[in-house]
Amino acid sequence: AFPPSFSYLKDYINIQVIGGGLHE
């Protein structure tokens, strides 16, 4: 229904979960 949501949540996971949670 909201195609931009996919790239948004992918960015969130890369920035906050993977980038932050594992390395920051």
mmCIF file of all heavy atoms, coordinates in Angstrom:
data_MODEL
# 
_entry.id   MODEL 
# 
loop_
_atom_site.group_PDB 
_atom_site.id 
_atom_site.type_symbol 
_atom_site.label_atom_id 
_atom_site.label_alt_id 
_atom_site.label_comp_id 
_atom_site.label_asym_id 
_atom_site.label_entity_id 
_atom_site.label_seq_id 
_atom_site.pdbx_PDB_ins_code 
_atom_site.Cartn_x 
_atom_site.Cartn_y 
_atom_site.Cartn_z 
_atom_site.occupancy 
_atom_site.B_iso_or_equiv 
_atom_site.pdbx_formal_charge 
_atom_site.auth_seq_id 
_atom_site.auth_comp_id 
_atom_site.auth_asym_id 
_atom_site.auth_atom_id 
_atom_site.pdbx_PDB_model_num 
ATOM 1   N N   . ALA A 1 1  ? 0.823  -1.217 0.000  1.00 0.00 ? 1  ALA A N   1 
ATOM 2   C CA  . ALA A 1 1  ? 0.000  0.000  0.000  1.00 0.00 ? 1  ALA A CA  1 
ATOM 3   C C   . ALA A 1 1  ? 0.852  1.260  0.000  1.00 0.00 ? 1  ALA A C   1 
ATOM 4   O O   . ALA A 1 1  ? 0.455  2.289  -0.580 1.00 0.00 ? 1  ALA A O   1 
ATOM 5   C CB  . ALA A 1 1  ? -0.931 -0.004 1.212  1.00 0.00 ? 1  ALA A CB  1 
ATOM 6   N N   . PHE A 1 2  ? 2.017  1.187  0.648  1.00 0.00 ? 2  PHE A N   1 
ATOM 7   C CA  . PHE A 1 2  ? 2.899  2.357  0.750  1.00 0.00 ? 2  PHE A CA  1 
ATOM 8   C C   . PHE A 1 2  ? 4.312  1.929  0.356  1.00 0.00 ? 2  PHE A C   1 
ATOM 9   O O   . PHE A 1 2  ? 5.146  1.642  1.236  1.00 0.00 ? 2  PHE A O   1 
ATOM 10  C CB  . PHE A 1 2  ? 2.893  2.928  2.164  1.00 0.00 ? 2  PHE A CB  1 
ATOM 11  C CG  . PHE A 1 2  ? 1.521  3.219  2.701  1.00 0.00 ? 2  PHE A CG  1 
ATOM 12  C CD1 . PHE A 1 2  ? 0.899  2.330  3.581  1.00 0.00 ? 2  PHE A CD1 1 
ATOM 13  C CD2 . PHE A 1 2  ? 0.825  4.361  2.316  1.00 0.00 ? 2  PHE A CD2 1 
ATOM 14  C CE1 . PHE A 1 2  ? -0.364 2.584  4.079  1.00 0.00 ? 2  PHE A CE1 1 
ATOM 15  C CE2 . PHE A 1 2  ? -0.442 4.620  2.806  1.00 0.00 ? 2  PHE A CE2 1 
ATOM 16  C CZ  . PHE A 1 2  ? -1.042 3.735  3.691  1.00 0.00 ? 2  PHE A CZ  1 
ATOM 17  N N   . PRO A 1 3  ? 4.623  1.874  -0.931 1.00 0.00 ? 3  PRO A N   1 
ATOM 18  C CA  . PRO A 1 3  ? 5.939  1.406  -1.394 1.00 0.00 ? 3  PRO A CA  1 
ATOM 19  C C   . PRO A 1 3  ? 7.131  2.081  -0.717 1.00 0.00 ? 3  PRO A C   1 
ATOM 20  O O   . PRO A 1 3  ? 8.142  1.411  -0.447 1.00 0.00 ? 3  PRO A O   1 
ATOM 21  C CB  . PRO A 1 3  ? 5.897  1.705  -2.896 1.00 0.00 ? 3  PRO A CB  1 
ATOM 22  C CG  . PRO A 1 3  ? 4.448  1.626  -3.246 1.00 0.00 ? 3  PRO A CG  1 
ATOM 23  C CD  . PRO A 1 3  ? 3.717  2.197  -2.059 1.00 0.00 ? 3  PRO A CD  1 
ATOM 24  N N   . PRO A 1 4  ? 7.076  3.402  -0.408 1.00 0.00 ? 4  PRO A N   1 
ATOM 25  C CA  . PRO A 1 4  ? 8.236  4.016  0.263  1.00 0.00 ? 4  PRO A CA  1 
ATOM 26  C C   . PRO A 1 4  ? 8.550  3.408  1.624  1.00 0.00 ? 4  PRO A C   1 
ATOM 27  O O   . PRO A 1 4  ? 9.664  3.563  2.131  1.00 0.00 ? 4  PRO A O   1 
ATOM 28  C CB  . PRO A 1 4  ? 7.833  5.489  0.404  1.00 0.00 ? 4  PRO A CB  1 
ATOM 29  C CG  . PRO A 1 4  ? 6.794  5.710  -0.649 1.00 0.00 ? 4  PRO A CG  1 
ATOM 30  C CD  . PRO A 1 4  ? 6.048  4.414  -0.729 1.00 0.00 ? 4  PRO A CD  1 
ATOM 31  N N   . SER A 1 5  ? 7.570  2.720  2.237  1.00 0.00 ? 5  SER A N   1 
ATOM 32  C CA  . SER A 1 5  ? 7.792  2.152  3.564  1.00 0.00 ? 5  SER A CA  1 
ATOM 33  C C   . SER A 1 5  ? 8.876  1.082  3.550  1.00 0.00 ? 5  SER A C   1 
ATOM 34  O O   . SER A 1 5  ? 9.593  0.904  4.540  1.00 0.00 ? 5  SER A O   1 
ATOM 35  C CB  . SER A 1 5  ? 6.491  1.562  4.116  1.00 0.00 ? 5  SER A CB  1 
ATOM 36  O OG  . SER A 1 5  ? 6.042  0.471  3.312  1.00 0.00 ? 5  SER A OG  1 
ATOM 37  N N   . PHE A 1 6  ? 9.009  0.360  2.431  1.00 0.00 ? 6  PHE A N   1 
ATOM 38  C CA  . PHE A 1 6  ? 10.007 -0.709 2.361  1.00 0.00 ? 6  PHE A CA  1 
ATOM 39  C C   . PHE A 1 6  ? 11.426 -0.149 2.449  1.00 0.00 ? 6  PHE A C   1 
ATOM 40  O O   . PHE A 1 6  ? 12.245 -0.606 3.253  1.00 0.00 ? 6  PHE A O   1 
ATOM 41  C CB  . PHE A 1 6  ? 9.837  -1.519 1.067  1.00 0.00 ? 6  PHE A CB  1 
ATOM 42  C CG  . PHE A 1 6  ? 10.801 -2.663 0.956  1.00 0.00 ? 6  PHE A CG  1 
ATOM 43  C CD1 . PHE A 1 6  ? 10.566 -3.842 1.643  1.00 0.00 ? 6  PHE A CD1 1 
ATOM 44  C CD2 . PHE A 1 6  ? 11.954 -2.550 0.183  1.00 0.00 ? 6  PHE A CD2 1 
ATOM 45  C CE1 . PHE A 1 6  ? 11.465 -4.905 1.554  1.00 0.00 ? 6  PHE A CE1 1 
ATOM 46  C CE2 . PHE A 1 6  ? 12.856 -3.600 0.089  1.00 0.00 ? 6  PHE A CE2 1 
ATOM 47  C CZ  . PHE A 1 6  ? 12.607 -4.780 0.777  1.00 0.00 ? 6  PHE A CZ  1 
ATOM 48  N N   . SER A 1 7  ? 11.719 0.855  1.625  1.00 0.00 ? 7  SER A N   1 
ATOM 49  C CA  . SER A 1 7  ? 13.065 1.444  1.655  1.00 0.00 ? 7  SER A CA  1 
ATOM 50  C C   . SER A 1 7  ? 13.306 2.164  2.980  1.00 0.00 ? 7  SER A C   1 
ATOM 51  O O   . SER A 1 7  ? 14.441 2.182  3.494  1.00 0.00 ? 7  SER A O   1 
ATOM 52  C CB  . SER A 1 7  ? 13.251 2.411  0.481  1.00 0.00 ? 7  SER A CB  1 
ATOM 53  O OG  . SER A 1 7  ? 12.304 3.463  0.533  1.00 0.00 ? 7  SER A OG  1 
ATOM 54  N N   . TYR A 1 8  ? 12.253 2.746  3.556  1.00 0.00 ? 8  TYR A N   1 
ATOM 55  C CA  . TYR A 1 8  ? 12.378 3.417  4.853  1.00 0.00 ? 8  TYR A CA  1 
ATOM 56  C C   . TYR A 1 8  ? 12.840 2.428  5.914  1.00 0.00 ? 8  TYR A C   1 
ATOM 57  O O   . TYR A 1 8  ? 13.842 2.659  6.619  1.00 0.00 ? 8  TYR A O   1 
ATOM 58  C CB  . TYR A 1 8  ? 11.027 4.022  5.251  1.00 0.00 ? 8  TYR A CB  1 
ATOM 59  C CG  . TYR A 1 8  ? 11.065 4.896  6.485  1.00 0.00 ? 8  TYR A CG  1 
ATOM 60  C CD1 . TYR A 1 8  ? 10.709 6.231  6.431  1.00 0.00 ? 8  TYR A CD1 1 
ATOM 61  C CD2 . TYR A 1 8  ? 11.456 4.396  7.733  1.00 0.00 ? 8  TYR A CD2 1 
ATOM 62  C CE1 . TYR A 1 8  ? 10.738 7.039  7.559  1.00 0.00 ? 8  TYR A CE1 1 
ATOM 63  C CE2 . TYR A 1 8  ? 11.479 5.179  8.862  1.00 0.00 ? 8  TYR A CE2 1 
ATOM 64  C CZ  . TYR A 1 8  ? 11.119 6.506  8.766  1.00 0.00 ? 8  TYR A CZ  1 
ATOM 65  O OH  . TYR A 1 8  ? 11.153 7.292  9.892  1.00 0.00 ? 8  TYR A OH  1 
ATOM 66  N N   . LEU A 1 9  ? 12.110 1.300  6.047  1.00 0.00 ? 9  LEU A N   1 
ATOM 67  C CA  . LEU A 1 9  ? 12.446 0.339  7.091  1.00 0.00 ? 9  LEU A CA  1 
ATOM 68  C C   . LEU A 1 9  ? 13.770 -0.364 6.797  1.00 0.00 ? 9  LEU A C   1 
ATOM 69  O O   . LEU A 1 9  ? 14.498 -0.747 7.728  1.00 0.00 ? 9  LEU A O   1 
ATOM 70  C CB  . LEU A 1 9  ? 11.318 -0.677 7.248  1.00 0.00 ? 9  LEU A CB  1 
ATOM 71  C CG  . LEU A 1 9  ? 10.012 -0.091 7.797  1.00 0.00 ? 9  LEU A CG  1 
ATOM 72  C CD1 . LEU A 1 9  ? 8.958  -1.177 7.965  1.00 0.00 ? 9  LEU A CD1 1 
ATOM 73  C CD2 . LEU A 1 9  ? 10.241 0.623  9.131  1.00 0.00 ? 9  LEU A CD2 1 
ATOM 74  N N   . LYS A 1 10 ? 14.118 -0.524 5.529  1.00 0.00 ? 10 LYS A N   1 
ATOM 75  C CA  . LYS A 1 10 ? 15.418 -1.098 5.195  1.00 0.00 ? 10 LYS A CA  1 
ATOM 76  C C   . LYS A 1 10 ? 16.533 -0.162 5.660  1.00 0.00 ? 10 LYS A C   1 
ATOM 77  O O   . LYS A 1 10 ? 17.534 -0.603 6.248  1.00 0.00 ? 10 LYS A O   1 
ATOM 78  C CB  . LYS A 1 10 ? 15.520 -1.338 3.698  1.00 0.00 ? 10 LYS A CB  1 
ATOM 79  C CG  . LYS A 1 10 ? 16.818 -2.045 3.280  1.00 0.00 ? 10 LYS A CG  1 
ATOM 80  C CD  . LYS A 1 10 ? 16.834 -2.363 1.799  1.00 0.00 ? 10 LYS A CD  1 
ATOM 81  C CE  . LYS A 1 10 ? 17.014 -1.099 0.968  1.00 0.00 ? 10 LYS A CE  1 
ATOM 82  N NZ  . LYS A 1 10 ? 17.242 -1.412 -0.473 1.00 0.00 ? 10 LYS A NZ  1 
ATOM 83  N N   . ASP A 1 11 ? 16.346 1.139  5.427  1.00 0.00 ? 11 ASP A N   1 
ATOM 84  C CA  . ASP A 1 11 ? 17.329 2.121  5.913  1.00 0.00 ? 11 ASP A CA  1 
ATOM 85  C C   . ASP A 1 11 ? 17.416 2.102  7.425  1.00 0.00 ? 11 ASP A C   1 
ATOM 86  O O   . ASP A 1 11 ? 18.511 2.173  8.003  1.00 0.00 ? 11 ASP A O   1 
ATOM 87  C CB  . ASP A 1 11 ? 16.956 3.528  5.434  1.00 0.00 ? 11 ASP A CB  1 
ATOM 88  C CG  . ASP A 1 11 ? 17.180 3.721  3.943  1.00 0.00 ? 11 ASP A CG  1 
ATOM 89  O OD1 . ASP A 1 11 ? 17.848 2.871  3.336  1.00 0.00 ? 11 ASP A OD1 1 
ATOM 90  O OD2 . ASP A 1 11 ? 16.666 4.717  3.391  1.00 0.00 ? 11 ASP A OD2 1 
ATOM 91  N N   . TYR A 1 12 ? 16.261 2.028  8.083  1.00 0.00 ? 12 TYR A N   1 
ATOM 92  C CA  . TYR A 1 12 ? 16.226 1.994  9.550  1.00 0.00 ? 12 TYR A CA  1 
ATOM 93  C C   . TYR A 1 12 ? 17.019 0.810  10.086 1.00 0.00 ? 12 TYR A C   1 
ATOM 94  O O   . TYR A 1 12 ? 17.831 0.950  11.023 1.00 0.00 ? 12 TYR A O   1 
ATOM 95  C CB  . TYR A 1 12 ? 14.786 1.932  10.045 1.00 0.00 ? 12 TYR A CB  1 
ATOM 96  C CG  . TYR A 1 12 ? 14.641 1.317  11.413 1.00 0.00 ? 12 TYR A CG  1 
ATOM 97  C CD1 . TYR A 1 12 ? 15.116 1.968  12.557 1.00 0.00 ? 12 TYR A CD1 1 
ATOM 98  C CD2 . TYR A 1 12 ? 14.065 0.047  11.574 1.00 0.00 ? 12 TYR A CD2 1 
ATOM 99  C CE1 . TYR A 1 12 ? 15.005 1.386  13.818 1.00 0.00 ? 12 TYR A CE1 1 
ATOM 100 C CE2 . TYR A 1 12 ? 13.957 -0.532 12.824 1.00 0.00 ? 12 TYR A CE2 1 
ATOM 101 C CZ  . TYR A 1 12 ? 14.427 0.129  13.940 1.00 0.00 ? 12 TYR A CZ  1 
ATOM 102 O OH  . TYR A 1 12 ? 14.330 -0.445 15.177 1.00 0.00 ? 12 TYR A OH  1 
ATOM 103 N N   . ILE A 1 13 ? 16.812 -0.367 9.510  1.00 0.00 ? 13 ILE A N   1 
ATOM 104 C CA  . ILE A 1 13 ? 17.525 -1.566 9.963  1.00 0.00 ? 13 ILE A CA  1 
ATOM 105 C C   . ILE A 1 13 ? 19.027 -1.425 9.728  1.00 0.00 ? 13 ILE A C   1 
ATOM 106 O O   . ILE A 1 13 ? 19.846 -1.762 10.598 1.00 0.00 ? 13 ILE A O   1 
ATOM 107 C CB  . ILE A 1 13 ? 16.967 -2.815 9.253  1.00 0.00 ? 13 ILE A CB  1 
ATOM 108 C CG1 . ILE A 1 13 ? 15.538 -3.091 9.742  1.00 0.00 ? 13 ILE A CG1 1 
ATOM 109 C CG2 . ILE A 1 13 ? 17.858 -4.032 9.515  1.00 0.00 ? 13 ILE A CG2 1 
ATOM 110 C CD1 . ILE A 1 13 ? 14.822 -4.199 8.999  1.00 0.00 ? 13 ILE A CD1 1 
ATOM 111 N N   . ASN A 1 14 ? 19.406 -0.894 8.583  1.00 0.00 ? 14 ASN A N   1 
ATOM 112 C CA  . ASN A 1 14 ? 20.837 -0.720 8.280  1.00 0.00 ? 14 ASN A CA  1 
ATOM 113 C C   . ASN A 1 14 ? 21.495 0.302  9.208  1.00 0.00 ? 14 ASN A C   1 
ATOM 114 O O   . ASN A 1 14 ? 22.610 0.107  9.688  1.00 0.00 ? 14 ASN A O   1 
ATOM 115 C CB  . ASN A 1 14 ? 21.026 -0.292 6.822  1.00 0.00 ? 14 ASN A CB  1 
ATOM 116 C CG  . ASN A 1 14 ? 20.765 -1.424 5.849  1.00 0.00 ? 14 ASN A CG  1 
ATOM 117 O OD1 . ASN A 1 14 ? 20.965 -2.593 6.180  1.00 0.00 ? 14 ASN A OD1 1 
ATOM 118 N ND2 . ASN A 1 14 ? 20.305 -1.093 4.647  1.00 0.00 ? 14 ASN A ND2 1 
ATOM 119 N N   . ILE A 1 15 ? 20.778 1.410  9.448  1.00 0.00 ? 15 ILE A N   1 
ATOM 120 C CA  . ILE A 1 15 ? 21.347 2.495  10.257 1.00 0.00 ? 15 ILE A CA  1 
ATOM 121 C C   . ILE A 1 15 ? 21.333 2.162  11.743 1.00 0.00 ? 15 ILE A C   1 
ATOM 122 O O   . ILE A 1 15 ? 22.354 2.261  12.436 1.00 0.00 ? 15 ILE A O   1 
ATOM 123 C CB  . ILE A 1 15 ? 20.572 3.818  10.021 1.00 0.00 ? 15 ILE A CB  1 
ATOM 124 C CG1 . ILE A 1 15 ? 20.741 4.277  8.569  1.00 0.00 ? 15 ILE A CG1 1 
ATOM 125 C CG2 . ILE A 1 15 ? 21.043 4.899  10.987 1.00 0.00 ? 15 ILE A CG2 1 
ATOM 126 C CD1 . ILE A 1 15 ? 19.819 5.425  8.192  1.00 0.00 ? 15 ILE A CD1 1 
ATOM 127 N N   . GLN A 1 16 ? 20.167 1.760  12.244 1.00 0.00 ? 16 GLN A N   1 
ATOM 128 C CA  . GLN A 1 16 ? 19.976 1.655  13.685 1.00 0.00 ? 16 GLN A CA  1 
ATOM 129 C C   . GLN A 1 16 ? 20.248 0.257  14.226 1.00 0.00 ? 16 GLN A C   1 
ATOM 130 O O   . GLN A 1 16 ? 20.883 0.102  15.273 1.00 0.00 ? 16 GLN A O   1 
ATOM 131 C CB  . GLN A 1 16 ? 18.542 2.066  14.038 1.00 0.00 ? 16 GLN A CB  1 
ATOM 132 C CG  . GLN A 1 16 ? 18.342 2.449  15.488 1.00 0.00 ? 16 GLN A CG  1 
ATOM 133 C CD  . GLN A 1 16 ? 19.107 3.690  15.877 1.00 0.00 ? 16 GLN A CD  1 
ATOM 134 O OE1 . GLN A 1 16 ? 19.941 3.637  16.770 1.00 0.00 ? 16 GLN A OE1 1 
ATOM 135 N NE2 . GLN A 1 16 ? 18.856 4.808  15.223 1.00 0.00 ? 16 GLN A NE2 1 
ATOM 136 N N   . VAL A 1 17 ? 19.756 -0.769 13.536 1.00 0.00 ? 17 VAL A N   1 
ATOM 137 C CA  . VAL A 1 17 ? 19.856 -2.130 14.062 1.00 0.00 ? 17 VAL A CA  1 
ATOM 138 C C   . VAL A 1 17 ? 21.230 -2.723 13.766 1.00 0.00 ? 17 VAL A C   1 
ATOM 139 O O   . VAL A 1 17 ? 21.936 -3.174 14.671 1.00 0.00 ? 17 VAL A O   1 
ATOM 140 C CB  . VAL A 1 17 ? 18.749 -3.029 13.476 1.00 0.00 ? 17 VAL A CB  1 
ATOM 141 C CG1 . VAL A 1 17 ? 18.862 -4.433 14.052 1.00 0.00 ? 17 VAL A CG1 1 
ATOM 142 C CG2 . VAL A 1 17 ? 17.371 -2.440 13.774 1.00 0.00 ? 17 VAL A CG2 1 
ATOM 143 N N   . ILE A 1 18 ? 21.623 -2.700 12.484 1.00 0.00 ? 18 ILE A N   1 
ATOM 144 C CA  . ILE A 1 18 ? 22.916 -3.273 12.113 1.00 0.00 ? 18 ILE A CA  1 
ATOM 145 C C   . ILE A 1 18 ? 24.058 -2.310 12.427 1.00 0.00 ? 18 ILE A C   1 
ATOM 146 O O   . ILE A 1 18 ? 25.005 -2.647 13.138 1.00 0.00 ? 18 ILE A O   1 
ATOM 147 C CB  . ILE A 1 18 ? 22.929 -3.651 10.619 1.00 0.00 ? 18 ILE A CB  1 
ATOM 148 C CG1 . ILE A 1 18 ? 21.860 -4.723 10.341 1.00 0.00 ? 18 ILE A CG1 1 
ATOM 149 C CG2 . ILE A 1 18 ? 24.306 -4.157 10.210 1.00 0.00 ? 18 ILE A CG2 1 
ATOM 150 C CD1 . ILE A 1 18 ? 21.723 -5.087 8.883  1.00 0.00 ? 18 ILE A CD1 1 
ATOM 151 N N   . GLY A 1 19 ? 23.934 -1.088 11.925 1.00 0.00 ? 19 GLY A N   1 
ATOM 152 C CA  . GLY A 1 19 ? 24.995 -0.107 12.133 1.00 0.00 ? 19 GLY A CA  1 
ATOM 153 C C   . GLY A 1 19 ? 25.164 0.282  13.582 1.00 0.00 ? 19 GLY A C   1 
ATOM 154 O O   . GLY A 1 19 ? 26.287 0.385  14.096 1.00 0.00 ? 19 GLY A O   1 
ATOM 155 N N   . GLY A 1 20 ? 24.034 0.522  14.281 1.00 0.00 ? 20 GLY A N   1 
ATOM 156 C CA  . GLY A 1 20 ? 24.112 0.955  15.670 1.00 0.00 ? 20 GLY A CA  1 
ATOM 157 C C   . GLY A 1 20 ? 24.210 -0.193 16.644 1.00 0.00 ? 20 GLY A C   1 
ATOM 158 O O   . GLY A 1 20 ? 25.094 -0.245 17.500 1.00 0.00 ? 20 GLY A O   1 
ATOM 159 N N   . GLY A 1 21 ? 23.268 -1.150 16.530 1.00 0.00 ? 21 GLY A N   1 
ATOM 160 C CA  . GLY A 1 21 ? 23.195 -2.229 17.507 1.00 0.00 ? 21 GLY A CA  1 
ATOM 161 C C   . GLY A 1 21 ? 24.387 -3.158 17.503 1.00 0.00 ? 21 GLY A C   1 
ATOM 162 O O   . GLY A 1 21 ? 24.710 -3.763 18.537 1.00 0.00 ? 21 GLY A O   1 
ATOM 163 N N   . LEU A 1 22 ? 25.074 -3.294 16.359 1.00 0.00 ? 22 LEU A N   1 
ATOM 164 C CA  . LEU A 1 22 ? 26.193 -4.219 16.283 1.00 0.00 ? 22 LEU A CA  1 
ATOM 165 C C   . LEU A 1 22 ? 27.558 -3.536 16.331 1.00 0.00 ? 22 LEU A C   1 
ATOM 166 O O   . LEU A 1 22 ? 28.548 -4.160 16.684 1.00 0.00 ? 22 LEU A O   1 
ATOM 167 C CB  . LEU A 1 22 ? 26.090 -5.057 14.996 1.00 0.00 ? 22 LEU A CB  1 
ATOM 168 C CG  . LEU A 1 22 ? 24.856 -5.959 14.873 1.00 0.00 ? 22 LEU A CG  1 
ATOM 169 C CD1 . LEU A 1 22 ? 24.896 -6.735 13.573 1.00 0.00 ? 22 LEU A CD1 1 
ATOM 170 C CD2 . LEU A 1 22 ? 24.760 -6.920 16.058 1.00 0.00 ? 22 LEU A CD2 1 
ATOM 171 N N   . HIS A 1 23 ? 27.616 -2.278 15.952 1.00 0.00 ? 23 HIS A N   1 
ATOM 172 C CA  . HIS A 1 23 ? 28.925 -1.636 15.812 1.00 0.00 ? 23 HIS A CA  1 
ATOM 173 C C   . HIS A 1 23 ? 29.075 -0.342 16.607 1.00 0.00 ? 23 HIS A C   1 
ATOM 174 O O   . HIS A 1 23 ? 30.185 0.022  16.973 1.00 0.00 ? 23 HIS A O   1 
ATOM 175 C CB  . HIS A 1 23 ? 29.198 -1.350 14.327 1.00 0.00 ? 23 HIS A CB  1 
ATOM 176 C CG  . HIS A 1 23 ? 29.083 -2.570 13.457 1.00 0.00 ? 23 HIS A CG  1 
ATOM 177 N ND1 . HIS A 1 23 ? 29.930 -3.647 13.576 1.00 0.00 ? 23 HIS A ND1 1 
ATOM 178 C CD2 . HIS A 1 23 ? 28.198 -2.878 12.474 1.00 0.00 ? 23 HIS A CD2 1 
ATOM 179 C CE1 . HIS A 1 23 ? 29.594 -4.579 12.682 1.00 0.00 ? 23 HIS A CE1 1 
ATOM 180 N NE2 . HIS A 1 23 ? 28.553 -4.146 12.005 1.00 0.00 ? 23 HIS A NE2 1 
ATOM 181 N N   . GLU A 1 24 ? 27.987 0.387  16.868 1.00 0.00 ? 24 GLU A N   1 
ATOM 182 C CA  . GLU A 1 24 ? 28.084 1.698  17.525 1.00 0.00 ? 24 GLU A CA  1 
ATOM 183 C C   . GLU A 1 24 ? 27.993 1.533  19.038 1.00 0.00 ? 24 GLU A C   1 
ATOM 184 O O   . GLU A 1 24 ? 26.962 1.791  19.655 1.00 0.00 ? 24 GLU A O   1 
ATOM 185 C CB  . GLU A 1 24 ? 26.969 2.609  17.016 1.00 0.00 ? 24 GLU A CB  1 
ATOM 186 C CG  . GLU A 1 24 ? 27.104 4.065  17.443 1.00 0.00 ? 24 GLU A CG  1 
ATOM 187 C CD  . GLU A 1 24 ? 25.956 4.912  16.926 1.00 0.00 ? 24 GLU A CD  1 
ATOM 188 O OE1 . GLU A 1 24 ? 25.404 4.598  15.866 1.00 0.00 ? 24 GLU A OE1 1 
ATOM 189 O OE2 . GLU A 1 24 ? 25.607 5.896  17.615 1.00 0.00 ? 24 GLU A OE2 1 
# 
